[in-house]
Protein backbone atom coordinates (compact mmCIF):
# COMPACT_ATOMS: atom_id res chain seq x y z
CA MET A 1 -10.42 31.96 -16.85
CA THR A 2 -11.55 30.08 -13.76
CA TYR A 3 -9.32 27.33 -12.43
CA GLN A 4 -10.61 24.36 -10.48
CA LYS A 5 -8.84 21.58 -8.65
CA PRO A 6 -8.26 18.38 -10.64
CA LYS A 7 -10.87 15.65 -10.41
CA GLY A 8 -10.25 13.33 -7.49
CA THR A 9 -8.39 15.90 -5.37
CA ARG A 10 -9.57 18.21 -2.62
CA ASP A 11 -8.66 21.38 -0.78
CA ILE A 12 -8.20 20.74 2.93
CA PHE A 13 -8.40 23.59 5.41
CA GLY A 14 -10.05 24.74 8.62
CA LEU A 15 -11.40 22.15 11.05
CA GLU A 16 -10.76 19.22 8.71
CA LEU A 17 -7.08 20.13 8.39
CA GLU A 18 -6.82 20.56 12.17
CA ARG A 19 -8.25 17.06 12.64
CA ILE A 20 -5.84 15.53 10.13
CA GLU A 21 -2.86 17.26 11.73
CA ALA A 22 -4.03 16.11 15.18
CA ILE A 23 -4.27 12.49 13.98
CA ASN A 24 -0.82 12.71 12.38
CA SER A 25 0.61 14.12 15.62
CA ILE A 26 -0.96 11.32 17.65
CA ALA A 27 0.41 8.77 15.16
CA ARG A 28 3.94 10.14 15.52
CA ARG A 29 3.81 9.96 19.32
CA PHE A 30 2.06 6.60 19.49
CA PHE A 31 4.29 4.74 17.06
CA LYS A 32 7.50 6.38 18.31
CA ASN A 33 6.63 5.20 21.82
CA ASN A 34 6.27 1.69 20.38
CA GLY A 35 9.65 1.65 18.64
CA TYR A 36 8.73 2.89 15.15
CA GLU A 37 11.02 5.48 13.56
CA GLU A 38 9.53 7.97 11.11
CA ILE A 39 10.89 7.86 7.58
CA ARG A 40 10.25 10.32 4.75
CA ILE A 41 10.16 8.71 1.36
CA PRO A 42 10.19 10.44 -2.05
CA THR A 43 6.90 11.54 -3.55
CA PHE A 44 8.02 9.96 -6.83
CA GLU A 45 10.11 6.88 -7.57
CA PHE A 46 11.22 4.88 -10.59
CA ALA A 47 8.19 3.04 -11.98
CA GLU A 48 9.91 -0.35 -11.98
CA LEU A 49 10.15 -0.25 -8.17
CA PHE A 50 6.39 -0.78 -7.99
CA SER A 51 5.99 -3.10 -10.97
CA ARG A 52 8.57 -5.44 -9.44
CA SER A 53 7.46 -5.23 -5.80
CA ILE A 54 3.68 -5.03 -6.14
CA GLY A 55 3.46 -7.04 -9.35
CA GLU A 56 2.92 -6.12 -12.99
CA THR A 57 -0.55 -7.70 -13.03
CA THR A 58 -2.01 -5.72 -10.12
CA ASP A 59 -4.64 -3.05 -10.68
CA ILE A 60 -2.32 -0.48 -9.09
CA VAL A 61 0.43 -1.05 -11.65
CA GLU A 62 -1.78 -1.72 -14.68
CA LYS A 63 -4.40 0.99 -14.23
CA GLU A 64 -3.83 3.33 -11.30
CA MET A 65 -0.29 4.74 -11.39
CA TYR A 66 0.47 8.30 -12.45
CA THR A 67 3.57 7.97 -14.61
CA PHE A 68 5.78 10.47 -16.39
CA GLU A 69 9.01 10.24 -18.34
CA ILE A 70 12.21 12.28 -18.00
CA ASP A 71 15.38 11.49 -19.96
CA LYS A 72 13.98 8.12 -21.05
CA ARG A 73 13.35 7.00 -17.47
CA VAL A 74 9.78 6.36 -16.32
CA TYR A 75 8.80 7.71 -12.92
CA VAL A 76 5.63 7.33 -10.88
CA LEU A 77 3.92 9.31 -8.15
CA ARG A 78 3.99 6.88 -5.25
CA PRO A 79 0.76 4.81 -5.09
CA GLU A 80 1.67 3.29 -1.70
CA GLY A 81 4.50 3.39 0.83
CA THR A 82 5.72 -0.17 1.39
CA ALA A 83 7.89 -0.47 -1.73
CA SER A 84 9.61 2.86 -1.04
CA VAL A 85 10.34 1.91 2.57
CA LEU A 86 11.89 -1.40 1.45
CA ARG A 87 13.93 0.40 -1.19
CA ALA A 88 15.19 2.91 1.40
CA PHE A 89 16.06 0.10 3.81
CA ILE A 90 18.12 -1.76 1.20
CA GLU A 91 19.72 1.31 -0.36
CA ASN A 92 20.86 2.69 3.00
CA LYS A 93 22.04 -0.72 4.27
CA LEU A 94 20.03 -0.56 7.49
CA SER A 95 19.93 -3.41 9.98
CA LEU A 96 17.17 -5.79 11.02
CA PRO A 97 14.74 -5.72 12.65
CA ALA A 98 13.61 -2.28 11.52
CA ARG A 99 10.38 -0.49 12.38
CA PHE A 100 9.22 2.46 10.28
CA LEU A 101 6.34 4.93 10.26
CA TYR A 102 5.48 7.00 7.19
CA ILE A 103 2.87 9.70 6.70
CA GLY A 104 2.16 11.37 3.39
CA SER A 105 0.21 11.71 0.18
CA MET A 106 -0.29 8.73 -2.12
CA PHE A 107 -1.62 8.91 -5.66
CA ARG A 108 -3.86 6.49 -7.56
CA LYS A 109 -5.57 7.08 -10.88
CA GLU A 110 -8.81 5.40 -9.93
CA ARG A 111 -12.41 6.45 -10.44
CA PRO A 112 -13.21 9.08 -7.80
CA GLN A 113 -16.09 8.18 -5.52
CA LYS A 114 -17.27 9.05 -2.04
CA GLY A 115 -14.41 8.64 0.41
CA ARG A 116 -11.88 7.76 -2.32
CA TYR A 117 -9.62 10.28 -3.98
CA ARG A 118 -6.81 10.23 -6.51
CA GLU A 119 -4.58 11.96 -3.95
CA PHE A 120 -5.03 10.78 -0.38
CA GLU A 121 -3.04 10.88 2.84
CA GLN A 122 -1.88 7.63 4.36
CA ILE A 123 -0.38 6.62 7.68
CA GLY A 124 1.53 3.36 7.44
CA ILE A 125 3.94 1.24 9.45
CA GLU A 126 6.39 -1.41 8.30
CA LEU A 127 8.18 -3.99 10.45
CA LEU A 128 11.07 -5.53 8.57
CA GLY A 129 12.65 -8.67 9.97
CA GLU A 130 12.47 -12.43 9.78
CA PRO A 131 9.33 -13.92 8.20
CA LYS A 132 7.74 -14.75 11.54
CA PRO A 133 4.00 -14.62 12.32
CA PHE A 134 4.87 -12.67 15.47
CA TYR A 135 5.90 -9.67 13.37
CA ASP A 136 2.65 -9.77 11.41
CA ALA A 137 0.70 -9.98 14.66
CA GLU A 138 2.59 -6.97 16.04
CA VAL A 139 1.68 -4.80 13.04
CA ILE A 140 -1.99 -5.83 13.24
CA ASP A 141 -2.01 -5.13 16.98
CA GLN A 142 -0.33 -1.74 16.50
CA ALA A 143 -2.93 -0.75 13.89
CA LYS A 144 -5.82 -1.82 16.14
CA ARG A 145 -4.42 0.00 19.16
CA PHE A 146 -3.81 3.18 17.15
CA LEU A 147 -7.39 3.18 15.85
CA ASP A 148 -8.57 2.80 19.46
CA VAL A 149 -6.37 5.71 20.58
CA ILE A 150 -7.80 8.12 17.98
CA GLY A 151 -11.33 7.07 18.86
CA ALA A 152 -12.22 5.20 15.67
CA ARG A 153 -15.38 3.18 16.21
CA GLU A 154 -16.64 1.73 12.95
CA PHE A 155 -13.85 -0.41 11.52
CA TYR A 156 -12.94 -4.03 11.05
CA ILE A 157 -9.64 -5.80 10.45
CA GLU A 158 -9.52 -8.35 7.64
CA VAL A 159 -6.66 -10.85 7.74
CA ASN A 160 -5.70 -12.98 4.75
CA SER A 161 -2.93 -15.48 4.11
CA ILE A 162 -1.81 -17.71 1.26
CA GLY A 163 0.10 -19.90 3.67
CA CYS A 164 3.73 -20.49 4.50
CA PRO A 165 6.29 -21.01 1.71
CA LYS A 166 6.02 -24.78 2.15
CA CYS A 167 2.25 -25.11 1.81
CA ARG A 168 1.84 -22.24 -0.67
CA SER A 169 2.78 -24.44 -3.65
CA VAL A 170 -0.01 -26.88 -2.75
CA TYR A 171 -2.47 -23.99 -2.47
CA LYS A 172 -1.37 -22.65 -5.86
CA ASP A 173 -1.88 -26.05 -7.51
CA ILE A 174 -5.39 -26.34 -6.07
CA LEU A 175 -6.30 -22.81 -7.13
CA ARG A 176 -4.91 -23.27 -10.65
CA ASN A 177 -6.83 -26.52 -11.11
CA TYR A 178 -10.01 -24.82 -9.90
CA LEU A 179 -9.70 -21.81 -12.20
CA LYS A 180 -8.68 -23.47 -15.48
CA PRO A 181 -12.07 -25.15 -16.22
CA ILE A 182 -13.94 -21.87 -15.68
CA ILE A 183 -11.57 -19.57 -17.55
CA ASN A 184 -14.29 -18.57 -20.05
CA LYS A 185 -16.60 -17.52 -17.22
CA ILE A 186 -14.23 -14.99 -15.64
CA CYS A 187 -13.49 -11.44 -16.79
CA SER A 188 -10.81 -10.67 -19.39
CA ASP A 189 -8.50 -9.15 -16.75
CA CYS A 190 -8.73 -12.35 -14.70
CA GLN A 191 -8.13 -14.50 -17.79
CA ARG A 192 -4.92 -12.62 -18.51
CA ARG A 193 -3.83 -12.83 -14.87
CA LEU A 194 -4.48 -16.56 -14.86
CA GLU A 195 -1.64 -16.87 -17.36
CA LYS A 196 0.74 -14.32 -15.79
CA ASN A 197 0.05 -14.53 -12.04
CA PHE A 198 -3.09 -16.42 -11.12
CA LEU A 199 -2.83 -15.44 -7.45
CA ARG A 200 -4.03 -12.02 -8.63
CA VAL A 201 -7.29 -13.40 -10.06
């Protein structure tokens, strides 16, 4: 019997592995020099960590998580790193502000296509502190500078915001009023999200 790797995964070796390890090494040096401490998070977590933090109506939670059950508890292979870093911060009673770097495999049960895999390696940083725009700007700047350091050329940074807590309610009212008259023209997923969490439409 011949065994093959599962769909959406890949074997990494030779020059490609050397390049990945070199980028990871540069990331560790770069972010450490800028005050970010590396953290290793579990490869699997309780499923509710992601449904509560990312949102039950997101594509990640609804369609893309690899889940399994042991002793009546549902676990998931981590689909992203942010929720695990926040959980580790709270569980270990760490102090603010806190800067973290994580590097590791993430898992998403999505349709494999060129450049997208069901298991992929991710480098991420998290800056936990007060909800100040300065912290967001720092993370964006760190990402841009890191991409420059590793010689990335073809990339763009897309920034989005749904406003501050004060103006967000006004934005939500406007969006809800816009979407309700066209509910029959949007997909079934969006119709369901309009009822549960219309910001995910």
